[in-house]
Amino acid sequence: MENMALSKKQVKQLRALANGLSPALWIGKEGVSEAAVKQTEQTLDAHELIKCVVQDGGPVDAREAGEDLADRLGAQLVQVIGRRFVLYRASNKEGITPIALVRE
């Protein structure tokens, strides 16, 4: 899947939106497993913007996990803070309201 580049304004907008989100995905001692990839894909399709947490003692840090998932799923790694990271991917799933990204 082709990653679309986000502008600085769009990243800022997505960070602000992610601020109020509760984590939707936890990466545990298995790291970025196939199950985690599948769950992330389903959650991104349903929500477009998700916050994820890498649990203590996991084999990867938040940046590694976020970059790995973004690469595998054609998503954007929006933000990494501590053990948390935020992913964005536009969804074309019916029934969800897409995030209206600001234009440059």
PDB file of N, CA and C in Angstrom:
ATOM      1  N   MET A   1       0.836  -1.190   0.000  1.00  0.00           N
ATOM      2  CA  MET A   1       0.000   0.000   0.000  1.00  0.00           C
ATOM      3  C   MET A   1       0.873   1.244   0.000  1.00  0.00           C
ATOM      4  N   GLU A   2       0.481   2.229  -0.729  1.00  0.00           N
ATOM      5  CA  GLU A   2       1.251   3.459  -0.855  1.00  0.00           C
ATOM      6  C   GLU A   2       0.933   4.411   0.293  1.00  0.00           C
ATOM      7  N   ASN A   3       1.962   4.873   0.982  1.00  0.00           N
ATOM      8  CA  ASN A   3       1.769   5.857   2.049  1.00  0.00           C
ATOM      9  C   ASN A   3       1.617   7.237   1.447  1.00  0.00           C
ATOM     10  N   MET A   4       0.620   7.965   1.916  1.00  0.00           N
ATOM     11  CA  MET A   4       0.512   9.350   1.491  1.00  0.00           C
ATOM     12  C   MET A   4       1.245  10.196   2.522  1.00  0.00           C
ATOM     13  N   ALA A   5       1.953  11.186   2.056  1.00  0.00           N
ATOM     14  CA  ALA A   5       2.690  12.036   2.980  1.00  0.00           C
ATOM     15  C   ALA A   5       1.732  13.041   3.612  1.00  0.00           C
ATOM     16  N   LEU A   6       1.846  13.172   4.918  1.00  0.00           N
ATOM     17  CA  LEU A   6       1.028  14.148   5.631  1.00  0.00           C
ATOM     18  C   LEU A   6       1.809  15.449   5.750  1.00  0.00           C
ATOM     19  N   SER A   7       1.106  16.553   5.603  1.00  0.00           N
ATOM     20  CA  SER A   7       1.751  17.853   5.791  1.00  0.00           C
ATOM     21  C   SER A   7       1.920  18.115   7.281  1.00  0.00           C
ATOM     22  N   LYS A   8       2.717  19.124   7.619  1.00  0.00           N
ATOM     23  CA  LYS A   8       2.911  19.469   9.028  1.00  0.00           C
ATOM     24  C   LYS A   8       1.596  19.873   9.678  1.00  0.00           C
ATOM     25  N   LYS A   9       0.765  20.597   8.937  1.00  0.00           N
ATOM     26  CA  LYS A   9      -0.541  21.001   9.473  1.00  0.00           C
ATOM     27  C   LYS A   9      -1.419  19.791   9.746  1.00  0.00           C
ATOM     28  N   GLN A  10      -1.384  18.816   8.845  1.00  0.00           N
ATOM     29  CA  GLN A  10      -2.192  17.612   9.023  1.00  0.00           C
ATOM     30  C   GLN A  10      -1.710  16.789  10.214  1.00  0.00           C
ATOM     31  N   VAL A  11      -0.390  16.680  10.381  1.00  0.00           N
ATOM     32  CA  VAL A  11       0.160  15.959  11.526  1.00  0.00           C
ATOM     33  C   VAL A  11      -0.262  16.652  12.822  1.00  0.00           C
ATOM     34  N   LYS A  12      -0.188  17.969  12.829  1.00  0.00           N
ATOM     35  CA  LYS A  12      -0.599  18.733  14.014  1.00  0.00           C
ATOM     36  C   LYS A  12      -2.079  18.493  14.321  1.00  0.00           C
ATOM     37  N   GLN A  13      -2.914  18.485  13.290  1.00  0.00           N
ATOM     38  CA  GLN A  13      -4.347  18.241  13.450  1.00  0.00           C
ATOM     39  C   GLN A  13      -4.583  16.836  14.024  1.00  0.00           C
ATOM     40  N   LEU A  14      -3.901  15.835  13.479  1.00  0.00           N
ATOM     41  CA  LEU A  14      -4.089  14.460  13.933  1.00  0.00           C
ATOM     42  C   LEU A  14      -3.584  14.270  15.365  1.00  0.00           C
ATOM     43  N   ARG A  15      -2.476  14.941  15.709  1.00  0.00           N
ATOM     44  CA  ARG A  15      -1.979  14.864  17.089  1.00  0.00           C
ATOM     45  C   ARG A  15      -3.004  15.435  18.055  1.00  0.00           C
ATOM     46  N   ALA A  16      -3.622  16.540  17.682  1.00  0.00           N
ATOM     47  CA  ALA A  16      -4.639  17.157  18.539  1.00  0.00           C
ATOM     48  C   ALA A  16      -5.840  16.221  18.705  1.00  0.00           C
ATOM     49  N   LEU A  17      -6.266  15.591  17.618  1.00  0.00           N
ATOM     50  CA  LEU A  17      -7.393  14.658  17.684  1.00  0.00           C
ATOM     51  C   LEU A  17      -7.047  13.427  18.531  1.00  0.00           C
ATOM     52  N   ALA A  18      -5.801  12.976  18.433  1.00  0.00           N
ATOM     53  CA  ALA A  18      -5.377  11.774  19.155  1.00  0.00           C
ATOM     54  C   ALA A  18      -5.240  12.021  20.650  1.00  0.00           C
ATOM     55  N   ASN A  19      -5.089  13.273  21.023  1.00  0.00           N
ATOM     56  CA  ASN A  19      -4.874  13.624  22.425  1.00  0.00           C
ATOM     57  C   ASN A  19      -5.961  13.056  23.333  1.00  0.00           C
ATOM     58  N   GLY A  20      -7.190  13.083  22.885  1.00  0.00           N
ATOM     59  CA  GLY A  20      -8.295  12.616  23.706  1.00  0.00           C
ATOM     60  C   GLY A  20      -8.628  11.141  23.554  1.00  0.00           C
ATOM     61  N   LEU A  21      -7.886  10.437  22.719  1.00  0.00           N
ATOM     62  CA  LEU A  21      -8.186   9.018  22.479  1.00  0.00           C
ATOM     63  C   LEU A  21      -7.665   8.121  23.594  1.00  0.00           C
ATOM     64  N   SER A  22      -8.401   7.080  23.879  1.00  0.00           N
ATOM     65  CA  SER A  22      -7.906   6.019  24.756  1.00  0.00           C
ATOM     66  C   SER A  22      -7.182   5.003  23.874  1.00  0.00           C
ATOM     67  N   PRO A  23      -6.188   4.311  24.425  1.00  0.00           N
ATOM     68  CA  PRO A  23      -5.478   3.312  23.620  1.00  0.00           C
ATOM     69  C   PRO A  23      -6.427   2.234  23.090  1.00  0.00           C
ATOM     70  N   ALA A  24      -6.270   1.905  21.816  1.00  0.00           N
ATOM     71  CA  ALA A  24      -7.121   0.907  21.173  1.00  0.00           C
ATOM     72  C   ALA A  24      -6.380  -0.413  20.981  1.00  0.00           C
ATOM     73  N   LEU A  25      -5.064  -0.386  21.171  1.00  0.00           N
ATOM     74  CA  LEU A  25      -4.261  -1.584  20.912  1.00  0.00           C
ATOM     75  C   LEU A  25      -3.085  -1.615  21.869  1.00  0.00           C
ATOM     76  N   TRP A  26      -2.819  -2.809  22.420  1.00  0.00           N
ATOM     77  CA  TRP A  26      -1.656  -3.002  23.277  1.00  0.00           C
ATOM     78  C   TRP A  26      -0.734  -4.004  22.613  1.00  0.00           C
ATOM     79  N   ILE A  27       0.545  -3.658  22.538  1.00  0.00           N
ATOM     80  CA  ILE A  27       1.561  -4.567  22.017  1.00  0.00           C
ATOM     81  C   ILE A  27       2.243  -5.177  23.234  1.00  0.00           C
ATOM     82  N   GLY A  28       2.170  -6.500  23.369  1.00  0.00           N
ATOM     83  CA  GLY A  28       2.694  -7.170  24.551  1.00  0.00           C
ATOM     84  C   GLY A  28       4.020  -7.860  24.307  1.00  0.00           C
ATOM     85  N   LYS A  29       4.248  -8.931  25.058  1.00  0.00           N
ATOM     86  CA  LYS A  29       5.538  -9.621  25.006  1.00  0.00           C
ATOM     87  C   LYS A  29       5.795 -10.317  23.678  1.00  0.00           C
ATOM     88  N   GLU A  30       4.733 -10.491  22.876  1.00  0.00           N
ATOM     89  CA  GLU A  30       4.902 -11.106  21.554  1.00  0.00           C
ATOM     90  C   GLU A  30       5.439 -10.105  20.529  1.00  0.00           C
ATOM     91  N   GLY A  31       5.422  -8.817  20.869  1.00  0.00           N
ATOM     92  CA  GLY A  31       5.842  -7.795  19.917  1.00  0.00           C
ATOM     93  C   GLY A  31       4.768  -7.580  18.860  1.00  0.00           C
ATOM     94  N   VAL A  32       5.194  -7.232  17.667  1.00  0.00           N
ATOM     95  CA  VAL A  32       4.238  -6.985  16.578  1.00  0.00           C
ATOM     96  C   VAL A  32       3.940  -8.322  15.900  1.00  0.00           C
ATOM     97  N   SER A  33       3.002  -9.049  16.482  1.00  0.00           N
ATOM     98  CA  SER A  33       2.618 -10.365  15.971  1.00  0.00           C
ATOM     99  C   SER A  33       1.619 -10.215  14.830  1.00  0.00           C
ATOM    100  N   GLU A  34       1.354 -11.332  14.151  1.00  0.00           N
ATOM    101  CA  GLU A  34       0.342 -11.304  13.081  1.00  0.00           C
ATOM    102  C   GLU A  34      -1.024 -10.927  13.636  1.00  0.00           C
ATOM    103  N   ALA A  35      -1.323 -11.384  14.858  1.00  0.00           N
ATOM    104  CA  ALA A  35      -2.598 -11.043  15.489  1.00  0.00           C
ATOM    105  C   ALA A  35      -2.687  -9.532  15.739  1.00  0.00           C
ATOM    106  N   ALA A  36      -1.568  -8.935  16.169  1.00  0.00           N
ATOM    107  CA  ALA A  36      -1.546  -7.485  16.406  1.00  0.00           C
ATOM    108  C   ALA A  36      -1.725  -6.722  15.100  1.00  0.00           C
ATOM    109  N   VAL A  37      -1.111  -7.215  14.034  1.00  0.00           N
ATOM    110  CA  VAL A  37      -1.252  -6.567  12.720  1.00  0.00           C
ATOM    111  C   VAL A  37      -2.706  -6.630  12.267  1.00  0.00           C
ATOM    112  N   LYS A  38      -3.325  -7.795  12.413  1.00  0.00           N
ATOM    113  CA  LYS A  38      -4.718  -7.970  11.989  1.00  0.00           C
ATOM    114  C   LYS A  38      -5.654  -7.070  12.809  1.00  0.00           C
ATOM    115  N   GLN A  39      -5.434  -7.037  14.120  1.00  0.00           N
ATOM    116  CA  GLN A  39      -6.275  -6.203  14.979  1.00  0.00           C
ATOM    117  C   GLN A  39      -6.090  -4.719  14.640  1.00  0.00           C
ATOM    118  N   THR A  40      -4.853  -4.317  14.382  1.00  0.00           N
ATOM    119  CA  THR A  40      -4.581  -2.926  14.023  1.00  0.00           C
ATOM    120  C   THR A  40      -5.274  -2.566  12.721  1.00  0.00           C
ATOM    121  N   GLU A  41      -5.228  -3.469  11.744  1.00  0.00           N
ATOM    122  CA  GLU A  41      -5.884  -3.210  10.468  1.00  0.00           C
ATOM    123  C   GLU A  41      -7.384  -3.015  10.640  1.00  0.00           C
ATOM    124  N   GLN A  42      -8.009  -3.889  11.415  1.00  0.00           N
ATOM    125  CA  GLN A  42      -9.454  -3.775  11.649  1.00  0.00           C
ATOM    126  C   GLN A  42      -9.797  -2.479  12.384  1.00  0.00           C
ATOM    127  N   THR A  43      -8.986  -2.131  13.372  1.00  0.00           N
ATOM    128  CA  THR A  43      -9.248  -0.923  14.159  1.00  0.00           C
ATOM    129  C   THR A  43      -9.046   0.330  13.310  1.00  0.00           C
ATOM    130  N   LEU A  44      -8.014   0.337  12.470  1.00  0.00           N
ATOM    131  CA  LEU A  44      -7.793   1.482  11.569  1.00  0.00           C
ATOM    132  C   LEU A  44      -8.943   1.631  10.586  1.00  0.00           C
ATOM    133  N   ASP A  45      -9.454   0.512  10.059  1.00  0.00           N
ATOM    134  CA  ASP A  45     -10.590   0.575   9.138  1.00  0.00           C
ATOM    135  C   ASP A  45     -11.811   1.193   9.806  1.00  0.00           C
ATOM    136  N   ALA A  46     -11.968   0.914  11.095  1.00  0.00           N
ATOM    137  CA  ALA A  46     -13.141   1.404  11.813  1.00  0.00           C
ATOM    138  C   ALA A  46     -12.981   2.836  12.334  1.00  0.00           C
ATOM    139  N   HIS A  47     -11.739   3.245  12.621  1.00  0.00           N
ATOM    140  CA  HIS A  47     -11.544   4.531  13.298  1.00  0.00           C
ATOM    141  C   HIS A  47     -10.585   5.506  12.618  1.00  0.00           C
ATOM    142  N   GLU A  48      -9.763   5.065  11.694  1.00  0.00           N
ATOM    143  CA  GLU A  48      -8.756   5.867  10.985  1.00  0.00           C
ATOM    144  C   GLU A  48      -7.585   6.320  11.860  1.00  0.00           C
ATOM    145  N   LEU A  49      -7.863   6.763  13.071  1.00  0.00           N
ATOM    146  CA  LEU A  49      -6.824   7.290  13.961  1.00  0.00           C
ATOM    147  C   LEU A  49      -6.872   6.493  15.261  1.00  0.00           C
ATOM    148  N   ILE A  50      -5.752   5.837  15.601  1.00  0.00           N
ATOM    149  CA  ILE A  50      -5.744   5.021  16.819  1.00  0.00           C
ATOM    150  C   ILE A  50      -4.489   5.269  17.643  1.00  0.00           C
ATOM    151  N   LYS A  51      -4.651   5.125  18.944  1.00  0.00           N
ATOM    152  CA  LYS A  51      -3.533   5.232  19.878  1.00  0.00           C
ATOM    153  C   LYS A  51      -3.190   3.817  20.326  1.00  0.00           C
ATOM    154  N   CYS A  52      -1.895   3.517  20.372  1.00  0.00           N
ATOM    155  CA  CYS A  52      -1.422   2.193  20.740  1.00  0.00           C
ATOM    156  C   CYS A  52      -0.402   2.305  21.863  1.00  0.00           C
ATOM    157  N   VAL A  53      -0.285   1.246  22.659  1.00  0.00           N
ATOM    158  CA  VAL A  53       0.646   1.219  23.778  1.00  0.00           C
ATOM    159  C   VAL A  53       1.511  -0.031  23.677  1.00  0.00           C
ATOM    160  N   VAL A  54       2.824   0.151  23.870  1.00  0.00           N
ATOM    161  CA  VAL A  54       3.734  -0.988  23.972  1.00  0.00           C
ATOM    162  C   VAL A  54       3.939  -1.242  25.457  1.00  0.00           C
ATOM    163  N   GLN A  55       3.585  -2.441  25.906  1.00  0.00           N
ATOM    164  CA  GLN A  55       3.688  -2.760  27.321  1.00  0.00           C
ATOM    165  C   GLN A  55       5.142  -2.944  27.748  1.00  0.00           C
ATOM    166  N   ASP A  56       5.378  -2.694  29.028  1.00  0.00           N
ATOM    167  CA  ASP A  56       6.708  -2.885  29.611  1.00  0.00           C
ATOM    168  C   ASP A  56       7.205  -4.299  29.364  1.00  0.00           C
ATOM    169  N   GLY A  57       8.466  -4.430  29.044  1.00  0.00           N
ATOM    170  CA  GLY A  57       9.048  -5.755  28.869  1.00  0.00           C
ATOM    171  C   GLY A  57       8.851  -6.345  27.487  1.00  0.00           C
ATOM    172  N   GLY A  58       8.241  -5.577  26.583  1.00  0.00           N
ATOM    173  CA  GLY A  58       8.066  -6.061  25.215  1.00  0.00           C
ATOM    174  C   GLY A  58       9.388  -6.045  24.459  1.00  0.00           C
ATOM    175  N   PRO A  59       9.466  -6.806  23.364  1.00  0.00           N
ATOM    176  CA  PRO A  59      10.712  -6.894  22.599  1.00  0.00           C
ATOM    177  C   PRO A  59      10.978  -5.679  21.700  1.00  0.00           C
ATOM    178  N   VAL A  60      10.005  -4.782  21.562  1.00  0.00           N
ATOM    179  CA  VAL A  60      10.172  -3.602  20.714  1.00  0.00           C
ATOM    180  C   VAL A  60       9.779  -2.361  21.500  1.00  0.00           C
ATOM    181  N   ASP A  61      10.324  -1.203  21.069  1.00  0.00           N
ATOM    182  CA  ASP A  61       9.867   0.043  21.685  1.00  0.00           C
ATOM    183  C   ASP A  61       8.751   0.626  20.823  1.00  0.00           C
ATOM    184  N   ALA A  62       8.175   1.723  21.280  1.00  0.00           N
ATOM    185  CA  ALA A  62       7.011   2.295  20.599  1.00  0.00           C
ATOM    186  C   ALA A  62       7.337   2.727  19.173  1.00  0.00           C
ATOM    187  N   ARG A  63       8.503   3.329  18.951  1.00  0.00           N
ATOM    188  CA  ARG A  63       8.857   3.769  17.599  1.00  0.00           C
ATOM    189  C   ARG A  63       9.000   2.578  16.665  1.00  0.00           C
ATOM    190  N   GLU A  64       9.697   1.532  17.111  1.00  0.00           N
ATOM    191  CA  GLU A  64       9.861   0.330  16.275  1.00  0.00           C
ATOM    192  C   GLU A  64       8.518  -0.299  15.937  1.00  0.00           C
ATOM    193  N   ALA A  65       7.660  -0.450  16.950  1.00  0.00           N
ATOM    194  CA  ALA A  65       6.347  -1.059  16.723  1.00  0.00           C
ATOM    195  C   ALA A  65       5.510  -0.195  15.789  1.00  0.00           C
ATOM    196  N   GLY A  66       5.518   1.122  16.006  1.00  0.00           N
ATOM    197  CA  GLY A  66       4.742   2.035  15.166  1.00  0.00           C
ATOM    198  C   GLY A  66       5.203   2.032  13.728  1.00  0.00           C
ATOM    199  N   GLU A  67       6.516   2.069  13.520  1.00  0.00           N
ATOM    200  CA  GLU A  67       7.054   2.058  12.154  1.00  0.00           C
ATOM    201  C   GLU A  67       6.750   0.734  11.461  1.00  0.00           C
ATOM    202  N   ASP A  68       6.883  -0.371  12.197  1.00  0.00           N
ATOM    203  CA  ASP A  68       6.603  -1.689  11.638  1.00  0.00           C
ATOM    204  C   ASP A  68       5.139  -1.786  11.196  1.00  0.00           C
ATOM    205  N   LEU A  69       4.221  -1.403  12.086  1.00  0.00           N
ATOM    206  CA  LEU A  69       2.791  -1.464  11.746  1.00  0.00           C
ATOM    207  C   LEU A  69       2.455  -0.511  10.600  1.00  0.00           C
ATOM    208  N   ALA A  70       3.011   0.693  10.625  1.00  0.00           N
ATOM    209  CA  ALA A  70       2.742   1.663   9.551  1.00  0.00           C
ATOM    210  C   ALA A  70       3.200   1.095   8.205  1.00  0.00           C
ATOM    211  N   ASP A  71       4.398   0.509   8.181  1.00  0.00           N
ATOM    212  CA  ASP A  71       4.914  -0.078   6.934  1.00  0.00           C
ATOM    213  C   ASP A  71       4.031  -1.224   6.447  1.00  0.00           C
ATOM    214  N   ARG A  72       3.645  -2.101   7.340  1.00  0.00           N
ATOM    215  CA  ARG A  72       2.853  -3.273   6.945  1.00  0.00           C
ATOM    216  C   ARG A  72       1.447  -2.907   6.489  1.00  0.00           C
ATOM    217  N   LEU A  73       0.889  -1.826   7.057  1.00  0.00           N
ATOM    218  CA  LEU A  73      -0.523  -1.518   6.812  1.00  0.00           C
ATOM    219  C   LEU A  73      -0.741  -0.278   5.944  1.00  0.00           C
ATOM    220  N   GLY A  74       0.316   0.326   5.451  1.00  0.00           N
ATOM    221  CA  GLY A  74       0.146   1.523   4.630  1.00  0.00           C
ATOM    222  C   GLY A  74      -0.408   2.695   5.434  1.00  0.00           C
ATOM    223  N   ALA A  75      -0.029   2.758   6.697  1.00  0.00           N
ATOM    224  CA  ALA A  75      -0.518   3.820   7.578  1.00  0.00           C
ATOM    225  C   ALA A  75       0.583   4.849   7.810  1.00  0.00           C
ATOM    226  N   GLN A  76       0.236   5.910   8.514  1.00  0.00           N
ATOM    227  CA  GLN A  76       1.192   6.946   8.879  1.00  0.00           C
ATOM    228  C   GLN A  76       1.430   6.891  10.383  1.00  0.00           C
ATOM    229  N   LEU A  77       2.702   6.926  10.780  1.00  0.00           N
ATOM    230  CA  LEU A  77       3.045   7.056  12.191  1.00  0.00           C
ATOM    231  C   LEU A  77       3.004   8.542  12.508  1.00  0.00           C
ATOM    232  N   VAL A  78       2.008   8.956  13.274  1.00  0.00           N
ATOM    233  CA  VAL A  78       1.753  10.371  13.527  1.00  0.00           C
ATOM    234  C   VAL A  78       2.589  10.896  14.686  1.00  0.00           C
ATOM    235  N   GLN A  79       2.723  10.073  15.733  1.00  0.00           N
ATOM    236  CA  GLN A  79       3.350  10.563  16.958  1.00  0.00           C
ATOM    237  C   GLN A  79       3.845   9.397  17.801  1.00  0.00           C
ATOM    238  N   VAL A  80       4.972   9.610  18.481  1.00  0.00           N
ATOM    239  CA  VAL A  80       5.481   8.636  19.447  1.00  0.00           C
ATOM    240  C   VAL A  80       5.827   9.407  20.718  1.00  0.00           C
ATOM    241  N   ILE A  81       5.209   9.006  21.831  1.00  0.00           N
ATOM    242  CA  ILE A  81       5.529   9.613  23.124  1.00  0.00           C
ATOM    243  C   ILE A  81       5.662   8.485  24.135  1.00  0.00           C
ATOM    244  N   GLY A  82       6.842   8.318  24.674  1.00  0.00           N
ATOM    245  CA  GLY A  82       7.074   7.245  25.641  1.00  0.00           C
ATOM    246  C   GLY A  82       6.776   5.895  25.032  1.00  0.00           C
ATOM    247  N   ARG A  83       5.875   5.142  25.656  1.00  0.00           N
ATOM    248  CA  ARG A  83       5.506   3.816  25.142  1.00  0.00           C
ATOM    249  C   ARG A  83       4.256   3.868  24.277  1.00  0.00           C
ATOM    250  N   ARG A  84       3.799   5.051  23.961  1.00  0.00           N
ATOM    251  CA  ARG A  84       2.577   5.195  23.159  1.00  0.00           C
ATOM    252  C   ARG A  84       2.913   5.727  21.764  1.00  0.00           C
ATOM    253  N   PHE A  85       2.103   5.306  20.801  1.00  0.00           N
ATOM    254  CA  PHE A  85       2.233   5.856  19.449  1.00  0.00           C
ATOM    255  C   PHE A  85       0.857   5.955  18.815  1.00  0.00           C
ATOM    256  N   VAL A  86       0.771   6.806  17.810  1.00  0.00           N
ATOM    257  CA  VAL A  86      -0.498   7.068  17.127  1.00  0.00           C
ATOM    258  C   VAL A  86      -0.333   6.751  15.655  1.00  0.00           C
ATOM    259  N   LEU A  87      -1.301   6.009  15.110  1.00  0.00           N
ATOM    260  CA  LEU A  87      -1.309   5.672  13.684  1.00  0.00           C
ATOM    261  C   LEU A  87      -2.540   6.272  13.018  1.00  0.00           C
ATOM    262  N   TYR A  88      -2.367   6.650  11.748  1.00  0.00           N
ATOM    263  CA  TYR A  88      -3.483   7.161  10.947  1.00  0.00           C
ATOM    264  C   TYR A  88      -3.474   6.463   9.599  1.00  0.00           C
ATOM    265  N   ARG A  89      -4.654   6.079   9.152  1.00  0.00           N
ATOM    266  CA  ARG A  89      -4.836   5.591   7.781  1.00  0.00           C
ATOM    267  C   ARG A  89      -6.269   5.885   7.377  1.00  0.00           C
ATOM    268  N   ALA A  90      -6.420   6.569   6.255  1.00  0.00           N
ATOM    269  CA  ALA A  90      -7.766   6.865   5.752  1.00  0.00           C
ATOM    270  C   ALA A  90      -8.481   5.545   5.466  1.00  0.00           C
ATOM    271  N   SER A  91      -9.761   5.517   5.779  1.00  0.00           N
ATOM    272  CA  SER A  91     -10.556   4.308   5.573  1.00  0.00           C
ATOM    273  C   SER A  91     -11.648   4.591   4.548  1.00  0.00           C
ATOM    274  N   ASN A  92     -11.965   3.589   3.754  1.00  0.00           N
ATOM    275  CA  ASN A  92     -13.091   3.734   2.829  1.00  0.00           C
ATOM    276  C   ASN A  92     -14.237   2.821   3.239  1.00  0.00           C
ATOM    277  N   LYS A  93     -14.220   2.418   4.508  1.00  0.00           N
ATOM    278  CA  LYS A  93     -15.262   1.548   5.042  1.00  0.00           C
ATOM    279  C   LYS A  93     -16.572   2.329   5.157  1.00  0.00           C
ATOM    280  N   GLU A  94     -17.655   1.691   4.763  1.00  0.00           N
ATOM    281  CA  GLU A  94     -18.962   2.340   4.857  1.00  0.00           C
ATOM    282  C   GLU A  94     -19.372   2.502   6.309  1.00  0.00           C
ATOM    283  N   GLY A  95     -20.063   3.602   6.592  1.00  0.00           N
ATOM    284  CA  GLY A  95     -20.610   3.796   7.915  1.00  0.00           C
ATOM    285  C   GLY A  95     -19.724   4.558   8.879  1.00  0.00           C
ATOM    286  N   ILE A  96     -18.494   4.879   8.478  1.00  0.00           N
ATOM    287  CA  ILE A  96     -17.669   5.693   9.361  1.00  0.00           C
ATOM    288  C   ILE A  96     -17.532   7.086   8.762  1.00  0.00           C
ATOM    289  N   THR A  97     -17.406   8.059   9.627  1.00  0.00           N
ATOM    290  CA  THR A  97     -17.201   9.428   9.169  1.00  0.00           C
ATOM    291  C   THR A  97     -15.705   9.661   9.044  1.00  0.00           C
ATOM    292  N   PRO A  98     -15.221   9.912   7.829  1.00  0.00           N
ATOM    293  CA  PRO A  98     -13.780  10.092   7.671  1.00  0.00           C
ATOM    294  C   PRO A  98     -13.305  11.392   8.336  1.00  0.00           C
ATOM    295  N   ILE A  99     -12.051  11.382   8.758  1.00  0.00           N
ATOM    296  CA  ILE A  99     -11.435  12.576   9.325  1.00  0.00           C
ATOM    297  C   ILE A  99     -11.172  13.532   8.171  1.00  0.00           C
ATOM    298  N   ALA A 100     -11.678  14.746   8.291  1.00  0.00           N
ATOM    299  CA  ALA A 100     -11.451  15.768   7.250  1.00  0.00           C
ATOM    300  C   ALA A 100     -10.117  16.439   7.535  1.00  0.00           C
ATOM    301  N   LEU A 101      -9.095  16.047   6.800  1.00  0.00           N
ATOM    302  CA  LEU A 101      -7.766  16.621   7.002  1.00  0.00           C
ATOM    303  C   LEU A 101      -7.722  18.035   6.423  1.00  0.00           C
ATOM    304  N   VAL A 102      -7.005  18.926   7.121  1.00  0.00           N
ATOM    305  CA  VAL A 102      -6.830  20.289   6.615  1.00  0.00           C
ATOM    306  C   VAL A 102      -6.003  20.243   5.346  1.00  0.00           C
ATOM    307  N   ARG A 103      -6.244  21.196   4.487  1.00  0.00           N
ATOM    308  CA  ARG A 103      -5.475  21.289   3.238  1.00  0.00           C
ATOM    309  C   ARG A 103      -4.422  22.376   3.406  1.00  0.00           C
ATOM    310  N   GLU A 104      -3.320  22.194   2.721  1.00  0.00           N
ATOM    311  CA  GLU A 104      -2.245  23.200   2.775  1.00  0.00           C
ATOM    312  C   GLU A 104      -2.672  24.483   2.113  1.00  0.00           C
TER     313      GLU A 104
END
